[in-house]
Amino acid sequence: MKYRKLGNSGLIVSEVSLGTMQFGKLMNMGGLDQKATNEMVKFAIDGGINFIDTADVYSLGESETLLGNALKGIREEIVLATKVRLPMSDNFNRSGSTRVNIMRGIESSLKRLQTDYVDLYQVHGWDSNTPLEETLRTLNDLVRQGKVRYIGLSNYLAWQAATALGIQEREGLEKFVTAQMHYSLAERGLEHEWTAFAVYSGTGILVWSPLAGGFLSGKYDRSSPPPEGTRFAEAGPFVPFDRERGYDIVDVLKTIAGKYGVSPARVSIAWLLTRPGVSSVIIAGRKIEHLKDNMDAVDLTLRDEDLDALNKVSHPGTPYPKWMVLQLDQAEDPRPKILEPERFENGGPWADLRGTKWKG
């Protein structure tokens, strides 16, 4: 296993972390029982994973309960993360990032996880019905009380995260150190603004659904669509993406995987581990062999030509204003070429769209 810092903190976590959405039976995501959960957790830890991520809403608390049982006697040896914000019952006050719901959420999670603190407590999504200051002050209180060590966000827009960090800085509150976001070869929208913001602010990206709900495992292509009974066939992809481009990506993944004698899934995760701002990639599996294959991605080093091929086939295009920012800052401004000439050895990070004449 290999390790990285958890965002802008001193905590060290494994490059791949164990996701737990498949623990429990209420989400149709795996249905693993206590015995299978115990085996999965033990295998992950024995393989060097020291970071496990869950959420209160995963099977409405069952995932946390199963995980808490599996961690008896070893809880303090791992970095444990959970989340709050999504509905836990029909009571509308059991949803959101309010002080009431967060305080209730942490107490409930601690009981289910059988611990007196969590290492990383994450807001599961933006709450447009609650003042952001209320959410941030409540999270700060939890850190001061010792129930939470670090805080993170998930599924925010970049401006929302930037606003939150600005308030935390101004008010002297505990800062978000991580952002749990979807990122994969099939969906690279995070690169439009988020990855640059994450690198600039030191916020560590925790990648969820790195295989786009299993699509990038290579099981499906144009000649082999999802069969009946699979989640893709019954409910569509777990995350939306351009299916035609997705099939093109899978074709390239299979070619590269064949060169190394590995799975397309392993190549997909190895690619993510080369991306800027990533602290850990959250992996999961219904079977131990799938988990092991994902874990082995940390030891796969892709060649430059492989990365170029993957980047080309998966590139989503560059929206405005990002293309204009890059055009002005990288193509038309001579200073980056002088200050960082190595970045421009192969043409630089941005092709000049407007044919400016500065040659360096």
Foldseek 3Di string as FASTA:
>chain_A
DDWDDQFPDNDIFDQEAAEQLLQDDQPPQQHDYLVLLLVQVVLCVVLPGQEYEEECPSNNNRSLLSQLVSCVPPVVSHQYEYEFADANDPPPVCHGLALVNVVVRLVSSCVSNVHQAHAEYEYAEDDPVDPLVRNQVSVQVCCVVVRYNAYAYEHYDLVVLVVSQVVCVVVVGGHHREYEYADWLQDHPCVQPNLVSCQVVRRAYEHDPHCQQVLQQLCDAPVRHDDPPDCCVPPNTPDDGDVVLSNVLSVLLVVQCVVVVATSLLVGSLLVSPRHRHRHYHDYDSDNVRVVSNSCSVVDDDDPVSNVVSCVSSPPDHDPPSLVVCLVPPVVDCVCCVVPVVQCPPPHPHHNPPPDDDDD
